[in-house]
N, C-alpha and C. Protein backbone atom coordinates (compact mmCIF):
# COMPACT_ATOMS: atom_id res chain seq x y z
N UNK A 1 25.38 49.13 13.15
CA UNK A 1 26.09 49.80 12.97
C UNK A 1 25.76 51.69 13.28
N UNK A 2 25.10 51.63 12.04
CA UNK A 2 24.60 52.97 11.47
C UNK A 2 23.87 53.47 12.19
N UNK A 3 22.78 52.55 12.70
CA UNK A 3 21.62 53.12 13.44
C UNK A 3 22.02 53.25 14.73
N UNK A 4 22.84 52.88 15.41
CA UNK A 4 23.43 53.35 16.70
C UNK A 4 24.19 54.91 16.45
N UNK A 5 24.90 55.11 15.35
CA UNK A 5 25.30 56.32 15.20
C UNK A 5 24.32 57.42 15.03
N UNK A 6 23.16 57.03 14.15
CA UNK A 6 22.06 58.26 14.11
C UNK A 6 21.13 58.31 15.37
N UNK A 7 21.21 57.18 16.13
CA UNK A 7 20.77 57.45 17.58
C UNK A 7 21.49 58.26 18.38
N UNK A 8 23.03 58.15 18.39
CA UNK A 8 23.83 58.97 19.41
C UNK A 8 23.46 60.50 18.70
N UNK A 9 23.91 60.55 17.44
CA UNK A 9 23.67 62.07 16.92
C UNK A 9 22.18 62.50 17.16
N UNK A 10 21.07 61.86 17.10
CA UNK A 10 20.05 62.58 17.37
C UNK A 10 19.85 62.71 19.11
N UNK A 11 20.54 61.90 19.59
CA UNK A 11 20.42 62.27 20.90
C UNK A 11 21.08 63.20 21.66
N UNK A 12 22.29 63.43 21.01
CA UNK A 12 23.25 64.51 21.07
C UNK A 12 22.89 66.01 20.75
N UNK A 13 21.80 65.88 19.73
CA UNK A 13 21.24 66.92 19.19
C UNK A 13 19.87 67.48 20.04
N UNK A 14 19.41 66.52 20.71
CA UNK A 14 18.33 66.57 21.40
C UNK A 14 18.83 67.36 22.84
N UNK A 15 19.93 66.90 23.43
CA UNK A 15 20.35 67.43 24.67
C UNK A 15 21.04 68.78 24.48
N UNK A 16 21.58 68.73 23.25
CA UNK A 16 22.25 70.32 23.03
C UNK A 16 21.40 71.21 23.04
N UNK A 17 20.19 70.96 22.39
CA UNK A 17 18.91 71.69 22.52
C UNK A 17 18.57 72.16 23.88
N UNK A 18 18.16 71.21 24.40
CA UNK A 18 17.66 71.35 25.99
C UNK A 18 18.84 72.27 26.97
N UNK A 19 19.90 72.11 26.55
CA UNK A 19 20.87 72.55 27.58
C UNK A 19 20.84 74.14 27.00
N UNK A 20 20.98 74.40 25.63
CA UNK A 20 21.32 75.75 25.19
C UNK A 20 19.65 76.57 25.30
N UNK A 21 18.65 75.91 25.34
CA UNK A 21 17.85 76.62 25.64
C UNK A 21 17.30 77.16 27.19
N UNK A 22 17.39 78.62 27.27
CA UNK A 22 17.53 79.32 28.74
C UNK A 22 16.31 78.91 29.47
N UNK A 23 15.05 78.91 28.25
CA UNK A 23 13.69 78.73 29.19
C UNK A 23 13.20 77.57 28.99
N UNK A 24 13.31 76.32 28.56
CA UNK A 24 13.14 75.14 28.40
C UNK A 24 12.58 74.48 27.31
N UNK A 25 11.97 73.77 27.45
CA UNK A 25 11.57 72.83 26.12
C UNK A 25 10.61 73.50 25.47
N UNK A 26 9.77 74.05 26.06
CA UNK A 26 8.32 74.60 25.81
C UNK A 26 8.92 75.65 24.88
N UNK A 27 9.69 76.64 25.18
CA UNK A 27 10.26 77.64 24.07
C UNK A 27 11.32 77.45 23.36
N UNK A 28 12.27 75.84 23.59
CA UNK A 28 12.93 75.76 22.62
C UNK A 28 12.45 75.42 21.02
N UNK A 29 11.05 74.78 21.41
CA UNK A 29 10.20 73.99 20.17
C UNK A 29 9.43 75.46 19.70
N UNK A 30 9.53 76.68 20.21
CA UNK A 30 8.71 77.68 19.78
C UNK A 30 9.75 78.74 18.76
N UNK A 31 11.04 78.47 19.23
CA UNK A 31 11.93 79.18 18.50
C UNK A 31 13.12 78.29 18.00
N UNK A 32 12.78 77.85 16.97
CA UNK A 32 13.87 76.61 16.75
C UNK A 32 15.02 76.95 16.11
N UNK A 33 16.14 76.30 16.91
CA UNK A 33 17.59 76.52 16.60
C UNK A 33 18.24 75.71 15.38
N UNK A 34 19.37 75.44 15.26
CA UNK A 34 19.80 74.52 14.04
C UNK A 34 19.71 73.22 14.76
N UNK A 35 19.62 72.85 15.99
CA UNK A 35 19.64 71.64 16.21
C UNK A 35 18.14 71.15 16.23
N UNK A 36 17.36 71.92 16.61
CA UNK A 36 15.68 71.65 16.46
C UNK A 36 15.49 71.32 14.84
N UNK A 37 16.20 71.99 14.18
CA UNK A 37 15.84 72.07 12.91
C UNK A 37 16.36 70.65 12.04
N UNK A 38 17.65 69.94 12.53
CA UNK A 38 17.84 69.04 12.09
C UNK A 38 17.28 67.95 12.80
N UNK A 39 16.50 67.97 13.88
CA UNK A 39 15.74 66.91 14.46
C UNK A 39 14.28 67.02 13.69
N UNK A 40 14.06 68.24 13.24
CA UNK A 40 12.74 68.27 12.56
C UNK A 40 12.99 67.29 11.13
N UNK A 41 13.84 67.69 10.31
CA UNK A 41 14.18 66.88 9.37
C UNK A 41 14.18 65.28 9.47
N UNK A 42 14.52 65.14 10.60
CA UNK A 42 14.55 63.33 11.08
C UNK A 42 13.32 63.16 11.60
N UNK A 43 12.21 63.77 11.86
CA UNK A 43 10.79 63.74 12.54
C UNK A 43 10.06 63.17 11.48
N UNK A 44 10.44 63.92 10.30
CA UNK A 44 9.46 63.66 8.85
C UNK A 44 9.56 61.89 8.23
N UNK A 45 10.20 61.61 9.20
CA UNK A 45 10.58 59.77 8.67
C UNK A 45 9.36 59.34 8.49
N UNK A 46 9.41 58.96 7.21
CA UNK A 46 8.16 57.81 6.61
C UNK A 46 8.36 56.42 7.02
N UNK A 47 7.81 55.97 7.78
CA UNK A 47 8.01 54.52 8.50
C UNK A 47 7.42 53.48 6.92
N UNK A 48 6.31 53.76 6.34
CA UNK A 48 5.81 53.14 5.22
C UNK A 48 6.87 53.08 4.37
N UNK A 49 7.90 54.07 3.97
CA UNK A 49 8.68 54.05 2.72
C UNK A 49 9.94 53.10 3.32
N UNK A 50 10.24 53.20 4.62
CA UNK A 50 11.24 52.52 5.25
C UNK A 50 11.03 51.15 5.33
N UNK A 51 9.63 50.56 5.84
CA UNK A 51 9.39 49.73 5.78
C UNK A 51 9.51 48.84 4.49
N UNK A 52 8.65 49.60 3.41
CA UNK A 52 8.55 48.93 1.93
C UNK A 52 10.28 48.90 1.29
N UNK A 53 10.96 49.73 1.77
CA UNK A 53 12.43 49.47 1.32
C UNK A 53 13.37 48.51 2.05
N UNK A 54 12.88 48.22 3.42
CA UNK A 54 13.56 47.00 4.09
C UNK A 54 12.91 45.95 3.58
N UNK A 55 11.80 45.76 3.56
CA UNK A 55 11.24 44.53 2.52
C UNK A 55 12.16 44.24 1.18
N UNK A 56 11.72 45.04 0.74
CA UNK A 56 12.47 44.83 -0.74
C UNK A 56 13.89 44.53 -0.70
N UNK A 57 14.35 45.31 -0.37
CA UNK A 57 16.15 45.09 0.45
C UNK A 57 16.52 43.48 1.02
N UNK A 58 15.40 43.29 1.71
CA UNK A 58 15.77 42.01 2.38
C UNK A 58 15.47 40.97 1.35
N UNK A 59 14.23 41.03 0.51
CA UNK A 59 14.32 39.90 -0.22
C UNK A 59 15.42 40.01 -1.47
N UNK A 60 16.27 41.22 -1.85
CA UNK A 60 16.78 41.22 -2.95
C UNK A 60 18.27 40.64 -1.90
N UNK A 61 18.30 40.99 -1.05
CA UNK A 61 19.64 40.30 -0.21
C UNK A 61 19.88 38.82 -0.09
N UNK A 62 18.39 38.21 0.01
CA UNK A 62 18.60 36.72 0.45
C UNK A 62 18.81 36.34 -0.82
N UNK A 63 18.05 36.88 -1.94
CA UNK A 63 18.24 36.27 -3.25
C UNK A 63 19.86 36.19 -3.50
N UNK A 64 20.33 37.30 -3.39
CA UNK A 64 21.83 37.51 -4.16
C UNK A 64 22.30 36.29 -3.09
N UNK A 65 22.21 36.25 -1.82
CA UNK A 65 23.10 35.24 -1.17
C UNK A 65 22.89 33.89 -1.60
N UNK A 66 21.79 33.59 -1.87
CA UNK A 66 21.35 32.08 -2.39
C UNK A 66 21.84 31.83 -3.51
N UNK A 67 21.88 32.79 -4.29
CA UNK A 67 22.69 32.60 -5.52
C UNK A 67 23.93 32.62 -5.39
N UNK A 68 24.80 33.00 -4.49
CA UNK A 68 26.48 33.37 -4.60
C UNK A 68 26.82 34.40 -5.08
N UNK A 69 26.04 35.25 -5.38
CA UNK A 69 26.46 36.54 -5.85
C UNK A 69 27.30 37.25 -4.91
N UNK A 70 28.55 37.97 -4.78
CA UNK A 70 28.87 39.13 -3.78
C UNK A 70 27.84 40.14 -3.31
N UNK A 71 28.34 40.68 -2.28
CA UNK A 71 27.30 41.62 -1.28
C UNK A 71 27.53 42.95 -2.08
N UNK A 72 26.18 43.63 -2.16
CA UNK A 72 26.55 44.94 -2.82
C UNK A 72 26.87 45.95 -1.73
N UNK A 73 27.65 46.92 -2.72
CA UNK A 73 28.11 47.77 -1.36
C UNK A 73 26.77 48.75 -1.36
N UNK A 74 26.97 49.76 -0.31
CA UNK A 74 25.81 50.73 -0.19
C UNK A 74 25.50 51.67 -1.27
N UNK A 75 24.41 52.02 -1.53
CA UNK A 75 24.43 53.01 -2.88
C UNK A 75 24.77 54.33 -2.66
N UNK A 76 24.58 54.83 -1.47
CA UNK A 76 24.58 56.58 -1.33
C UNK A 76 25.14 56.45 -0.05
N UNK A 77 25.33 57.51 0.54
CA UNK A 77 25.59 57.99 1.61
C UNK A 77 24.59 58.19 2.62
N UNK A 78 24.63 58.04 3.83
CA UNK A 78 23.85 58.07 4.66
C UNK A 78 23.13 59.29 4.42
N UNK A 79 23.67 60.74 4.64
CA UNK A 79 23.19 61.64 4.41
C UNK A 79 22.19 61.75 3.49
N UNK A 80 22.71 61.22 2.10
CA UNK A 80 21.69 61.73 1.01
C UNK A 80 20.56 60.75 0.86
N UNK A 81 20.74 59.53 1.34
CA UNK A 81 19.38 58.38 1.11
C UNK A 81 18.13 59.02 1.91
N UNK A 82 17.15 58.60 1.00
CA UNK A 82 15.57 58.88 1.53
C UNK A 82 15.35 57.54 2.34
N UNK A 83 14.11 57.62 2.60
CA UNK A 83 13.58 56.73 3.85
C UNK A 83 13.80 55.00 3.14
N UNK A 84 13.09 55.04 2.15
CA UNK A 84 12.90 53.98 1.30
C UNK A 84 14.58 53.04 1.31
N UNK A 85 15.49 54.21 0.20
CA UNK A 85 16.76 53.93 0.45
C UNK A 85 17.60 53.15 1.52
N UNK A 86 17.39 54.12 2.64
CA UNK A 86 17.79 53.60 3.83
C UNK A 86 17.24 52.26 4.15
N UNK A 87 15.87 51.79 4.20
CA UNK A 87 15.19 50.91 4.48
C UNK A 87 15.85 49.87 3.61
N UNK A 88 15.79 50.12 2.29
CA UNK A 88 16.52 49.15 1.54
C UNK A 88 18.05 48.48 1.45
N UNK A 89 18.60 49.63 2.18
CA UNK A 89 19.92 49.21 2.68
C UNK A 89 20.20 48.41 3.67
N UNK A 90 19.37 48.60 4.83
CA UNK A 90 19.18 47.75 6.08
C UNK A 90 18.81 46.40 5.78
N UNK A 91 17.64 46.54 4.78
CA UNK A 91 17.07 45.28 4.75
C UNK A 91 18.03 44.22 4.05
N UNK A 92 18.35 45.10 2.72
CA UNK A 92 19.35 44.28 2.21
C UNK A 92 20.66 43.62 2.75
N UNK A 93 21.24 44.41 3.83
CA UNK A 93 22.30 43.98 4.72
C UNK A 93 21.47 42.51 5.73
N UNK A 94 20.66 42.90 6.37
CA UNK A 94 20.03 41.66 7.34
C UNK A 94 19.46 40.51 6.25
N UNK A 95 19.10 40.76 5.07
CA UNK A 95 18.64 39.69 4.22
C UNK A 95 19.92 38.88 3.73
N UNK A 96 20.90 39.39 3.25
CA UNK A 96 22.14 38.97 2.83
C UNK A 96 22.68 37.91 4.00
N UNK A 97 22.63 38.78 5.11
CA UNK A 97 23.71 37.81 6.34
C UNK A 97 22.62 36.60 7.08
N UNK A 98 21.40 36.90 6.76
CA UNK A 98 20.47 35.88 7.40
C UNK A 98 20.35 34.57 6.72
N UNK A 99 20.82 34.75 4.96
CA UNK A 99 21.44 33.88 4.38
C UNK A 99 22.41 32.78 4.96
N UNK A 100 23.37 33.57 4.88
CA UNK A 100 24.65 33.04 4.73
C UNK A 100 24.65 31.94 6.33
N UNK A 101 24.07 32.84 7.74
CA UNK A 101 24.00 32.26 9.06
C UNK A 101 22.88 31.28 8.97
N UNK A 102 21.61 30.96 7.71
CA UNK A 102 20.99 29.97 7.98
C UNK A 102 21.86 28.81 7.00
N UNK A 103 22.58 28.77 6.19
CA UNK A 103 23.29 28.10 5.62
C UNK A 103 24.03 27.26 6.93
N UNK A 104 24.98 28.23 7.60
CA UNK A 104 25.87 27.61 8.54
C UNK A 104 25.23 26.74 9.62
N UNK A 105 23.55 26.92 9.99
CA UNK A 105 22.89 26.72 11.17
C UNK A 105 22.42 25.28 10.29
N UNK A 106 21.97 25.53 8.77
CA UNK A 106 21.47 23.83 8.51
C UNK A 106 22.29 23.10 8.48
N UNK A 107 23.41 23.51 7.95
CA UNK A 107 24.69 22.62 8.17
C UNK A 107 25.04 21.82 9.30
N UNK A 108 24.91 22.84 10.39
CA UNK A 108 25.40 22.18 11.73
C UNK A 108 24.32 21.09 12.00
N UNK A 109 22.87 21.97 11.88
CA UNK A 109 22.04 20.87 12.55
C UNK A 109 21.97 19.64 11.51
N UNK A 110 22.01 19.24 10.45
CA UNK A 110 22.22 18.38 9.41
C UNK A 110 23.21 17.50 10.03
N UNK A 111 24.36 18.01 10.49
CA UNK A 111 25.20 16.98 11.01
C UNK A 111 24.76 16.57 12.41
N UNK A 112 24.28 17.27 13.16
CA UNK A 112 24.06 17.04 14.45
C UNK A 112 22.89 15.80 14.23
N UNK A 113 22.24 16.18 13.65
CA UNK A 113 21.24 14.72 13.07
C UNK A 113 21.78 13.72 12.94
N UNK A 114 22.45 13.92 12.10
CA UNK A 114 23.16 12.54 11.08
C UNK A 114 24.11 12.11 12.53
N UNK A 115 24.94 12.70 13.35
CA UNK A 115 25.53 12.12 14.48
C UNK A 115 24.61 11.04 15.63
N UNK A 116 23.64 12.04 15.79
CA UNK A 116 22.36 11.64 16.38
C UNK A 116 21.84 10.14 16.17
N UNK A 117 21.43 10.30 15.15
CA UNK A 117 20.82 8.83 13.97
C UNK A 117 21.72 7.68 14.42
N UNK A 118 23.25 8.12 14.06
CA UNK A 118 24.51 7.16 13.81
C UNK A 118 24.20 6.70 15.29
N UNK A 119 24.49 7.40 16.19
CA UNK A 119 24.77 6.83 17.77
C UNK A 119 23.53 6.00 18.09
N UNK A 120 22.36 6.53 17.86
CA UNK A 120 21.37 5.60 17.96
C UNK A 120 21.22 4.24 17.28
N UNK A 121 21.39 4.41 16.24
CA UNK A 121 21.52 3.08 15.23
C UNK A 121 22.55 2.01 16.08
N UNK A 122 24.07 2.58 16.22
CA UNK A 122 24.81 1.72 16.94
C UNK A 122 24.34 1.21 18.32
N UNK A 123 23.71 2.00 19.00
CA UNK A 123 22.98 1.90 20.16
C UNK A 123 22.20 0.84 20.31
N UNK A 124 21.18 1.09 19.37
CA UNK A 124 19.97 0.38 19.13
C UNK A 124 20.02 -1.02 18.45
N UNK A 125 21.21 -1.24 17.80
CA UNK A 125 21.42 -2.47 16.65
C UNK A 125 21.47 -3.51 17.85
N UNK A 126 22.30 -3.97 18.99
CA UNK A 126 22.55 -5.02 19.76
C UNK A 126 20.99 -5.05 20.45
N UNK A 127 20.44 -4.17 20.70
CA UNK A 127 19.25 -4.14 21.79
C UNK A 127 17.90 -4.93 20.48
N UNK A 128 17.96 -4.24 19.08
CA UNK A 128 16.98 -4.78 18.19
C UNK A 128 17.45 -6.64 17.80
N UNK A 129 18.65 -6.57 17.92
CA UNK A 129 19.10 -7.77 17.62
C UNK A 129 18.27 -8.91 18.94
N UNK A 130 18.73 -8.54 19.86
CA UNK A 130 18.24 -9.24 21.09
C UNK A 130 16.52 -9.09 20.79
N UNK A 131 16.06 -8.38 20.78
CA UNK A 131 14.65 -8.18 20.50
C UNK A 131 14.06 -9.46 19.13
N UNK A 132 14.51 -9.38 18.37
CA UNK A 132 14.45 -10.42 16.93
C UNK A 132 14.74 -11.73 17.41
N UNK A 133 15.69 -11.79 17.97
CA UNK A 133 16.19 -13.23 18.54
C UNK A 133 14.90 -13.87 19.53
N UNK A 134 14.43 -13.12 20.63
CA UNK A 134 13.71 -13.36 21.80
C UNK A 134 12.11 -13.60 20.96
N UNK A 135 11.76 -12.97 19.84
CA UNK A 135 10.70 -13.22 18.84
C UNK A 135 10.83 -14.26 18.06
N UNK A 136 11.83 -14.65 17.85
CA UNK A 136 12.28 -15.75 16.73
C UNK A 136 11.91 -16.84 17.84
N UNK A 137 12.47 -16.92 18.93
CA UNK A 137 12.47 -17.78 19.75
C UNK A 137 11.12 -18.03 20.35
N UNK A 138 10.48 -17.07 20.68
CA UNK A 138 8.97 -17.32 21.12
C UNK A 138 8.13 -17.89 19.93
N UNK A 139 8.28 -17.65 18.88
CA UNK A 139 7.42 -17.89 17.73
C UNK A 139 7.58 -19.46 17.68
N UNK A 140 8.77 -19.55 17.85
CA UNK A 140 9.39 -21.06 17.57
C UNK A 140 8.49 -22.06 18.60
N UNK A 141 8.65 -21.56 19.72
CA UNK A 141 8.08 -22.04 21.02
C UNK A 141 6.41 -22.23 20.88
N UNK A 142 5.92 -21.11 20.38
CA UNK A 142 3.99 -21.23 20.15
C UNK A 142 4.16 -22.26 19.25
N UNK A 143 4.88 -22.28 18.09
CA UNK A 143 4.76 -23.48 17.01
C UNK A 143 4.71 -24.78 17.63
N UNK A 144 5.51 -25.34 18.41
CA UNK A 144 6.19 -26.41 18.89
C UNK A 144 4.80 -26.72 19.68
N UNK A 145 4.41 -25.84 20.86
CA UNK A 145 3.39 -25.80 21.56
C UNK A 145 1.90 -26.33 20.88
N UNK A 146 1.66 -25.45 19.79
CA UNK A 146 0.48 -25.68 19.13
C UNK A 146 0.81 -27.04 18.46
N UNK A 147 1.63 -27.53 17.83
CA UNK A 147 2.13 -28.71 17.42
C UNK A 147 2.03 -29.94 18.11
N UNK A 148 2.16 -29.73 19.42
CA UNK A 148 2.07 -30.78 20.52
C UNK A 148 0.92 -30.86 20.79
N UNK A 149 0.11 -29.72 21.19
CA UNK A 149 -1.28 -29.69 21.44
C UNK A 149 -2.24 -30.58 20.62
N UNK A 150 -1.92 -30.17 19.12
CA UNK A 150 -2.62 -30.67 18.14
C UNK A 150 -2.08 -32.32 18.13
N UNK A 151 -1.38 -32.55 18.15
CA UNK A 151 -0.87 -34.10 18.44
C UNK A 151 -1.30 -34.77 19.34
N UNK A 152 -1.35 -34.14 20.92
CA UNK A 152 -2.26 -34.73 22.09
C UNK A 152 -3.89 -34.72 21.76
N UNK A 153 -4.45 -33.89 21.05
CA UNK A 153 -5.81 -33.75 20.49
C UNK A 153 -6.18 -34.84 19.70
N UNK A 154 -5.29 -34.74 18.52
CA UNK A 154 -5.50 -36.13 17.70
C UNK A 154 -5.47 -37.61 18.48
N UNK A 155 -4.43 -37.61 19.43
CA UNK A 155 -3.92 -38.84 19.93
C UNK A 155 -5.25 -39.19 20.60
N UNK A 156 -5.90 -38.00 21.47
CA UNK A 156 -6.94 -38.27 22.56
C UNK A 156 -8.17 -38.70 21.50
N UNK A 157 -8.12 -38.32 20.79
CA UNK A 157 -9.45 -38.12 19.53
C UNK A 157 -9.50 -39.98 19.27
N UNK A 158 -8.05 -40.18 18.38
CA UNK A 158 -8.07 -41.46 18.20
C UNK A 158 -8.55 -42.69 19.49
N UNK A 159 -8.15 -42.45 20.60
CA UNK A 159 -8.40 -43.40 21.77
C UNK A 159 -9.66 -43.27 21.73
N UNK A 160 -10.20 -42.13 21.91
CA UNK A 160 -11.77 -42.01 21.86
C UNK A 160 -12.63 -42.71 20.98
N UNK A 161 -12.18 -42.56 19.93
CA UNK A 161 -12.71 -43.23 18.46
C UNK A 161 -12.70 -44.70 19.07
N UNK A 162 -11.55 -45.42 19.27
CA UNK A 162 -11.16 -46.79 19.21
C UNK A 162 -12.14 -47.23 20.76
N UNK A 163 -12.16 -46.97 21.56
CA UNK A 163 -12.86 -46.99 22.80
C UNK A 163 -14.23 -47.19 22.51
N UNK A 164 -14.76 -46.09 21.73
CA UNK A 164 -16.18 -46.15 21.38
C UNK A 164 -16.43 -47.27 20.22
N UNK A 165 -15.66 -47.59 19.53
CA UNK A 165 -15.95 -48.61 18.23
C UNK A 165 -15.88 -49.83 19.22
N UNK A 166 -15.21 -50.19 20.46
CA UNK A 166 -15.02 -51.51 20.83
C UNK A 166 -16.09 -51.54 21.39
N UNK A 167 -16.81 -50.40 22.47
CA UNK A 167 -17.97 -50.46 22.96
C UNK A 167 -19.29 -51.02 21.99
N UNK A 168 -19.48 -50.41 20.79
CA UNK A 168 -20.15 -50.63 19.81
C UNK A 168 -19.95 -52.21 19.08
N UNK A 169 -18.91 -52.55 18.97
CA UNK A 169 -19.07 -54.10 18.71
C UNK A 169 -19.43 -54.84 19.55
């Protein structure tokens, strides 16, 4: 919200400068007016200070949110803030709100995963039971077949030995 207001203010100041300048942009920059002076104040923006402030603020905002603290109020008005403080304030807001959003998203994701798991278990249980029953039946059949084959082989061996003994005697 603050960023939009600043962009609108800077855009208005630039348009005013261009509209009031009778000879165009090149002369407007040569003879600074009040509007161009306010722009020059903002053009000295220190990206590094802002980024450092944003990083520190984001980290503090996340920490405060995770620990359950209340969100801090703005330290100073925007007109008095330097780039670090502006970055810190923006980062703190972003960090504090990202924590709350993550908690809500994580809770929804965990609930959704639980529901899917329960649905899968309920759906797969009859299939699993059927597969287990079929596996058991297959194993029992294989054991029976093995037992019967062993029995036949034993009987055949006994007959062979008996006939072999008969011929030898």
